[in-house]
Amino acid sequence: MRQSRMASGRALLAVVIGIAGGSWWAEAREPAAAAEPLTVMSFNIRYGTAADGSNAWPNRRERVIRCIQNANPDLLGTQEMLAFQRDELADGLPGYTTVAAGRDDGREAGEMTGIFYRTARFEERDAGHFWLSPTPADIASKGWDAALPRIASWVRLRDRRQPEGRELLFLNTHFDHRGRVARRESARLIRRWLSEQAADCRVIVTGDFNAAEGSEPYEALFGDTKSEGDARRLPLLDTLRAVQPQRGPDEGTFTGFDASQTSGARIDWIGCSADWQILSAAIDRTSEEGRTPSDHAAVQAVLIARPASTTQQ
């Protein structure tokens, strides 16, 4: 994992003010930097050893890279990424730092929920991974009725463009494709974890959740948790639904490599805490001559930090 560190400080200006023959020294800070938009992308890139024929990874790797380059995200959460795909994406996407671990051993083996963040913009403060199970610290632990071990990766970042602003906690995950209980409990686990670990941070969550809007996992992640007796649970917003309140017929995000397939469930989501203003959110329908980069459409959102005085809790 490549990391960048940058020291920053606040410049102080001593100003002499004279009034009625008297004067004193006053210390003035430079104005705080205005918030800048942040582009977030979530993308299930399809694991690179799948027997996908003409859609096998070597035939679409460059399409995946171009899709990401065109979106130009500051933060990217990937799903189903294998170690060699991580390395090839890193080569094709200079300027990003990667946080990733294989779900089978916590290092290189198995699929990763790999995170890429723009190195020039962010300073990494902390990072890690946990497993979606009743024992999340246990490497490769499989939870509830899940078919496979599932993992969440996270990174805590400081925005160099707003050095005095609150830190950002970015979490990326991939829920089980078979276990209904596992998906629900994974959402509850993440919501609890964020409430405990990100109380002083702005939060962004990305992932392939293998569940539709309105499902139990969706409600566990975005819904009101007071009914569960935990009013302290961190509020999260579904970015797409926040800007497009009416559900449409063409919001499906699993395409099976068919560019014309836009129906079905929206199973790829970007969530955020209420201290972000959501400027836009969309499903990326990128294709080249009818060929899609992956069997999932990527999803995107553009956010900007709300001033502390206007944040709704």
Protein backbone atom coordinates (compact mmCIF):
# COMPACT_ATOMS: atom_id res chain seq x y z
CA MET A 1 0.00 0.00 0.00
CA ARG A 2 1.44 3.31 -1.06
CA GLN A 3 0.89 6.16 1.33
CA SER A 4 1.60 9.86 1.26
CA ARG A 5 2.08 12.14 4.22
CA MET A 6 2.08 15.90 4.10
CA ALA A 7 2.58 18.25 7.01
CA SER A 8 0.40 21.32 7.06
CA GLY A 9 0.01 24.26 9.37
CA ARG A 10 -1.97 27.41 9.78
CA ALA A 11 -0.39 30.69 8.87
CA LEU A 12 -0.77 33.42 11.43
CA LEU A 13 -0.82 37.09 10.55
CA ALA A 14 -0.03 39.75 13.14
CA VAL A 15 -2.03 42.90 12.46
CA VAL A 16 -1.49 46.25 14.18
CA ILE A 17 -4.73 48.12 14.75
CA GLY A 18 -4.65 51.68 16.03
CA ILE A 19 -7.68 53.39 17.47
CA ALA A 20 -7.70 56.84 19.13
CA GLY A 21 -3.97 56.92 19.50
CA GLY A 22 -3.84 53.45 21.05
CA SER A 23 -2.98 50.17 19.38
CA TRP A 24 -2.79 46.47 20.04
CA TRP A 25 -1.72 43.27 18.28
CA ALA A 26 -4.43 41.01 17.00
CA GLU A 27 -3.88 37.52 15.66
CA ALA A 28 -5.83 36.68 12.52
CA ARG A 29 -6.09 33.37 10.73
CA GLU A 30 -6.28 32.96 6.99
CA PRO A 31 -9.84 32.28 5.82
CA ALA A 32 -10.73 28.61 5.81
CA ALA A 33 -10.53 27.02 2.37
CA ALA A 34 -13.87 26.68 0.66
CA ALA A 35 -15.17 23.15 0.33
CA GLU A 36 -14.53 21.48 -3.03
CA PRO A 37 -16.71 18.84 -4.68
CA LEU A 38 -15.72 15.22 -4.21
CA THR A 39 -16.44 12.59 -6.87
CA VAL A 40 -17.13 9.07 -5.62
CA MET A 41 -17.40 5.91 -7.72
CA SER A 42 -18.38 2.34 -6.85
CA PHE A 43 -17.59 -0.37 -9.39
CA ASN A 44 -17.88 -4.16 -9.35
CA ILE A 45 -15.19 -4.94 -11.92
CA ARG A 46 -15.91 -8.73 -12.10
CA TYR A 47 -13.20 -11.08 -10.90
CA GLY A 48 -10.45 -11.51 -13.41
CA THR A 49 -10.29 -15.31 -13.58
CA ALA A 50 -13.93 -15.82 -14.59
CA ALA A 51 -14.51 -17.83 -17.78
CA ASP A 52 -16.27 -14.96 -19.54
CA GLY A 53 -15.19 -15.66 -23.11
CA SER A 54 -15.05 -12.44 -25.10
CA ASN A 55 -15.72 -10.55 -21.85
CA ALA A 56 -12.75 -12.09 -20.03
CA TRP A 57 -10.60 -9.64 -18.11
CA PRO A 58 -7.76 -9.29 -20.68
CA ASN A 59 -10.34 -8.24 -23.30
CA ARG A 60 -11.96 -5.55 -21.16
CA ARG A 61 -9.23 -4.37 -18.81
CA GLU A 62 -8.63 -1.21 -20.85
CA ARG A 63 -12.37 -0.48 -20.96
CA VAL A 64 -12.48 -0.65 -17.17
CA ILE A 65 -9.54 1.72 -16.90
CA ARG A 66 -11.05 4.15 -19.42
CA CYS A 67 -14.39 4.07 -17.60
CA ILE A 68 -12.68 5.03 -14.34
CA GLN A 69 -10.50 7.65 -16.01
CA ASN A 70 -13.55 9.26 -17.61
CA ALA A 71 -15.33 9.42 -14.25
CA ASN A 72 -12.15 10.83 -12.68
CA PRO A 73 -13.14 9.89 -9.11
CA ASP A 74 -11.44 11.20 -6.01
CA LEU A 75 -12.56 8.03 -4.23
CA LEU A 76 -13.16 4.65 -5.87
CA GLY A 77 -14.54 1.52 -4.23
CA THR A 78 -14.14 -1.70 -6.22
CA GLN A 79 -15.62 -5.13 -5.71
CA GLU A 80 -14.48 -8.59 -6.87
CA MET A 81 -10.96 -7.35 -7.46
CA LEU A 82 -8.16 -9.91 -7.40
CA ALA A 83 -4.54 -9.09 -6.58
CA PHE A 84 -3.38 -9.01 -10.20
CA GLN A 85 -6.32 -6.76 -11.12
CA ARG A 86 -5.34 -4.43 -8.29
CA ASP A 87 -1.84 -4.19 -9.71
CA GLU A 88 -3.01 -3.66 -13.28
CA LEU A 89 -5.49 -0.97 -12.26
CA ALA A 90 -2.80 0.73 -10.17
CA ASP A 91 -0.54 0.79 -13.22
CA GLY A 92 -3.33 2.23 -15.37
CA LEU A 93 -4.45 4.76 -12.78
CA PRO A 94 -1.37 6.67 -11.63
CA GLY A 95 -2.01 9.20 -8.92
CA TYR A 96 -4.02 6.89 -6.67
CA THR A 97 -3.12 5.04 -3.49
CA THR A 98 -4.65 1.60 -2.97
CA VAL A 99 -6.02 -0.03 0.19
CA ALA A 100 -6.91 -3.69 -0.35
CA ALA A 101 -6.75 -7.13 1.25
CA GLY A 102 -7.83 -10.57 0.05
CA ARG A 103 -10.84 -11.92 1.88
CA ASP A 104 -9.33 -15.42 2.12
CA ASP A 105 -6.18 -14.53 4.07
CA GLY A 106 -6.25 -10.80 4.78
CA ARG A 107 -3.36 -10.29 2.39
CA GLU A 108 -3.30 -11.41 -1.26
CA ALA A 109 -5.65 -14.38 -1.58
CA GLY A 110 -9.24 -14.06 -2.71
CA GLU A 111 -11.45 -11.22 -3.84
CA MET A 112 -10.83 -7.73 -2.51
CA THR A 113 -13.03 -4.73 -1.82
CA GLY A 114 -10.19 -2.52 -2.91
CA ILE A 115 -10.19 1.24 -2.35
CA PHE A 116 -8.39 3.78 -4.52
CA TYR A 117 -8.03 7.36 -3.33
CA ARG A 118 -6.40 10.34 -5.01
CA THR A 119 -2.99 10.64 -3.39
CA ALA A 120 -2.51 14.35 -4.11
CA ARG A 121 -5.79 15.22 -2.41
CA PHE A 122 -5.79 12.97 0.64
CA GLU A 123 -3.51 12.09 3.51
CA GLU A 124 -4.16 8.64 4.93
CA ARG A 125 -4.61 8.63 8.70
CA ASP A 126 -5.65 5.03 9.24
CA ALA A 127 -6.92 2.03 7.27
CA GLY A 128 -8.04 -1.54 7.79
CA HIS A 129 -10.40 -4.37 7.01
CA PHE A 130 -12.96 -6.49 8.83
CA TRP A 131 -15.02 -9.51 7.93
CA LEU A 132 -18.79 -9.59 7.68
CA SER A 133 -19.43 -12.13 10.39
CA PRO A 134 -20.20 -12.32 14.12
CA THR A 135 -16.40 -12.30 14.63
CA PRO A 136 -15.32 -9.50 12.27
CA ALA A 137 -11.70 -9.45 13.45
CA ASP A 138 -11.23 -13.11 12.50
CA ILE A 139 -9.58 -13.37 9.08
CA ALA A 140 -11.67 -15.24 6.49
CA SER A 141 -14.56 -15.74 8.93
CA LYS A 142 -17.87 -16.54 7.25
CA GLY A 143 -21.03 -15.12 8.76
CA TRP A 144 -24.56 -16.46 9.24
CA ASP A 145 -25.81 -18.20 6.06
CA ALA A 146 -23.21 -16.67 3.73
CA ALA A 147 -21.81 -18.85 0.98
CA LEU A 148 -18.40 -17.20 1.14
CA PRO A 149 -16.27 -15.04 3.44
CA ARG A 150 -17.11 -11.37 2.88
CA ILE A 151 -15.02 -8.35 3.77
CA ALA A 152 -15.21 -4.59 4.25
CA SER A 153 -12.23 -2.31 3.68
CA TRP A 154 -11.97 1.21 5.05
CA VAL A 155 -9.67 4.18 5.11
CA ARG A 156 -9.66 7.34 7.20
CA LEU A 157 -8.51 10.37 5.23
CA ARG A 158 -7.65 14.02 5.69
CA ASP A 159 -8.46 16.28 2.76
CA ARG A 160 -5.35 18.33 2.01
CA ARG A 161 -7.54 20.99 0.38
CA GLN A 162 -9.39 21.49 3.68
CA PRO A 163 -6.74 20.77 6.30
CA GLU A 164 -8.88 22.20 9.10
CA GLY A 165 -11.97 20.24 8.10
CA ARG A 166 -13.26 17.02 9.60
CA GLU A 167 -11.67 13.79 8.49
CA LEU A 168 -13.42 11.43 6.09
CA LEU A 169 -14.05 7.73 6.69
CA PHE A 170 -14.58 5.80 3.45
CA LEU A 171 -15.84 2.20 3.65
CA ASN A 172 -16.27 -0.21 0.74
CA THR A 173 -17.83 -3.68 0.84
CA HIS A 174 -19.48 -6.57 -1.01
CA PHE A 175 -22.37 -8.52 0.53
CA ASP A 176 -22.97 -12.22 0.04
CA HIS A 177 -24.90 -13.29 -3.06
CA ARG A 178 -26.80 -16.16 -1.41
CA GLY A 179 -27.22 -15.55 2.30
CA ARG A 180 -30.32 -13.49 3.02
CA VAL A 181 -29.61 -13.39 6.75
CA ALA A 182 -25.95 -12.61 6.04
CA ARG A 183 -26.85 -9.58 3.93
CA ARG A 184 -29.17 -8.19 6.61
CA GLU A 185 -26.72 -8.79 9.43
CA SER A 186 -23.82 -7.43 7.38
CA ALA A 187 -25.72 -4.16 6.93
CA ARG A 188 -26.44 -3.99 10.65
CA LEU A 189 -22.79 -4.71 11.45
CA ILE A 190 -21.55 -1.92 9.17
CA ARG A 191 -24.07 0.56 10.56
CA ARG A 192 -22.99 -0.24 14.12
CA TRP A 193 -19.30 -0.13 13.21
CA LEU A 194 -19.65 3.27 11.56
CA SER A 195 -21.57 4.63 14.54
CA GLU A 196 -18.74 3.56 16.83
CA GLN A 197 -15.74 4.41 14.67
CA ALA A 198 -16.84 7.48 12.71
CA ALA A 199 -18.51 9.72 15.27
CA ASP A 200 -16.04 12.51 14.46
CA CYS A 201 -15.84 11.88 10.70
CA ARG A 202 -17.80 12.49 7.56
CA VAL A 203 -18.77 9.09 6.12
CA ILE A 204 -19.04 7.60 2.64
CA VAL A 205 -20.03 3.96 2.00
CA THR A 206 -19.83 2.14 -1.33
CA GLY A 207 -20.51 -1.42 -2.33
CA ASP A 208 -22.22 -4.18 -4.22
CA PHE A 209 -24.91 -5.15 -1.72
CA ASN A 210 -26.61 -7.92 -3.73
CA ALA A 211 -29.93 -6.55 -2.51
CA ALA A 212 -32.63 -4.29 -3.91
CA GLU A 213 -33.86 -0.95 -2.69
CA GLY A 214 -36.41 -1.50 0.07
CA SER A 215 -34.92 -4.86 1.08
CA GLU A 216 -33.93 -5.74 4.65
CA PRO A 217 -30.25 -4.88 4.07
CA TYR A 218 -31.21 -1.57 2.45
CA GLU A 219 -33.43 -0.64 5.38
CA ALA A 220 -30.79 -1.76 7.87
CA LEU A 221 -28.24 0.52 6.22
CA PHE A 222 -30.37 3.56 5.38
CA GLY A 223 -33.52 3.24 7.44
CA ASP A 224 -34.56 4.70 10.77
CA THR A 225 -33.04 2.51 13.49
CA LYS A 226 -35.03 3.92 16.42
CA SER A 227 -37.39 0.98 16.11
CA GLU A 228 -34.42 -1.24 16.94
CA GLY A 229 -33.83 0.70 20.13
CA ASP A 230 -30.65 2.40 18.95
CA ALA A 231 -31.31 6.08 18.27
CA ARG A 232 -27.56 6.72 18.26
CA ARG A 233 -27.10 4.81 15.00
CA LEU A 234 -25.40 7.00 12.38
CA PRO A 235 -27.90 8.36 9.82
CA LEU A 236 -26.97 7.45 6.24
CA LEU A 237 -28.43 8.70 2.96
CA ASP A 238 -28.83 6.83 -0.32
CA THR A 239 -27.23 9.33 -2.69
CA LEU A 240 -29.17 8.35 -5.82
CA ARG A 241 -32.55 8.38 -4.12
CA ALA A 242 -31.76 11.69 -2.45
CA VAL A 243 -31.40 13.43 -5.82
CA GLN A 244 -33.94 11.29 -7.70
CA PRO A 245 -36.81 10.75 -5.24
CA GLN A 246 -38.94 8.76 -7.69
CA ARG A 247 -37.75 5.24 -8.44
CA GLY A 248 -37.39 4.65 -12.17
CA PRO A 249 -37.72 1.52 -14.34
CA ASP A 250 -34.14 1.68 -15.65
CA GLU A 251 -32.11 1.64 -12.45
CA GLY A 252 -30.81 -1.92 -12.61
CA THR A 253 -27.06 -2.10 -12.02
CA PHE A 254 -26.39 -5.77 -12.88
CA THR A 255 -26.12 -5.98 -16.66
CA GLY A 256 -24.51 -9.36 -17.33
CA PHE A 257 -22.31 -7.58 -19.92
CA ASP A 258 -25.43 -6.53 -21.87
CA ALA A 259 -25.43 -2.77 -22.45
CA SER A 260 -29.17 -2.80 -23.17
CA GLN A 261 -29.98 -4.40 -19.80
CA THR A 262 -31.05 -1.53 -17.55
CA SER A 263 -34.00 -3.05 -15.69
CA GLY A 264 -33.89 -5.11 -12.54
CA ALA A 265 -32.68 -4.25 -9.07
CA ARG A 266 -30.31 -1.47 -8.13
CA ILE A 267 -27.87 -3.47 -6.04
CA ASP A 268 -24.86 -1.12 -6.15
CA TRP A 269 -25.16 1.87 -3.80
CA ILE A 270 -23.27 4.91 -2.59
CA GLY A 271 -24.28 6.12 0.86
CA CYS A 272 -23.14 9.12 2.85
CA SER A 273 -23.66 10.80 6.19
CA ALA A 274 -25.95 13.81 6.48
CA ASP A 275 -23.05 16.27 6.66
CA TRP A 276 -22.58 15.98 2.89
CA GLN A 277 -24.59 17.87 0.31
CA ILE A 278 -25.32 15.54 -2.62
CA LEU A 279 -24.77 17.52 -5.82
CA SER A 280 -25.47 14.65 -8.21
CA ALA A 281 -25.77 10.87 -8.38
CA ALA A 282 -26.10 8.57 -11.37
CA ILE A 283 -25.64 5.11 -12.84
CA ASP A 284 -22.78 4.99 -15.35
CA ARG A 285 -24.02 3.30 -18.55
CA THR A 286 -20.64 3.41 -20.27
CA SER A 287 -20.26 1.05 -23.23
CA GLU A 288 -18.04 0.92 -26.30
CA GLU A 289 -19.65 -0.49 -29.45
CA GLY A 290 -22.11 -2.32 -27.24
CA ARG A 291 -19.38 -3.79 -24.98
CA THR A 292 -19.55 -2.93 -21.30
CA PRO A 293 -16.52 -2.70 -19.00
CA SER A 294 -18.02 -5.14 -16.49
CA ASP A 295 -21.16 -7.13 -15.73
CA HIS A 296 -22.20 -4.34 -13.35
CA ALA A 297 -22.75 -0.70 -14.18
CA ALA A 298 -20.66 1.59 -12.04
CA VAL A 299 -22.43 4.15 -9.85
CA GLN A 300 -21.25 7.67 -9.11
CA ALA A 301 -22.01 10.59 -6.81
CA VAL A 302 -20.63 14.10 -6.43
CA LEU A 303 -20.65 15.42 -2.86
CA ILE A 304 -19.58 18.58 -1.10
CA ALA A 305 -19.05 19.03 2.62
CA ARG A 306 -21.78 21.02 4.35
CA PRO A 307 -20.63 23.78 6.68
CA ALA A 308 -20.77 22.58 10.25
CA SER A 309 -23.44 25.15 11.09
CA THR A 310 -25.86 23.74 8.50
CA THR A 311 -25.38 20.02 9.06
CA GLN A 312 -28.59 18.18 9.81
CA GLN A 313 -28.27 15.48 12.43
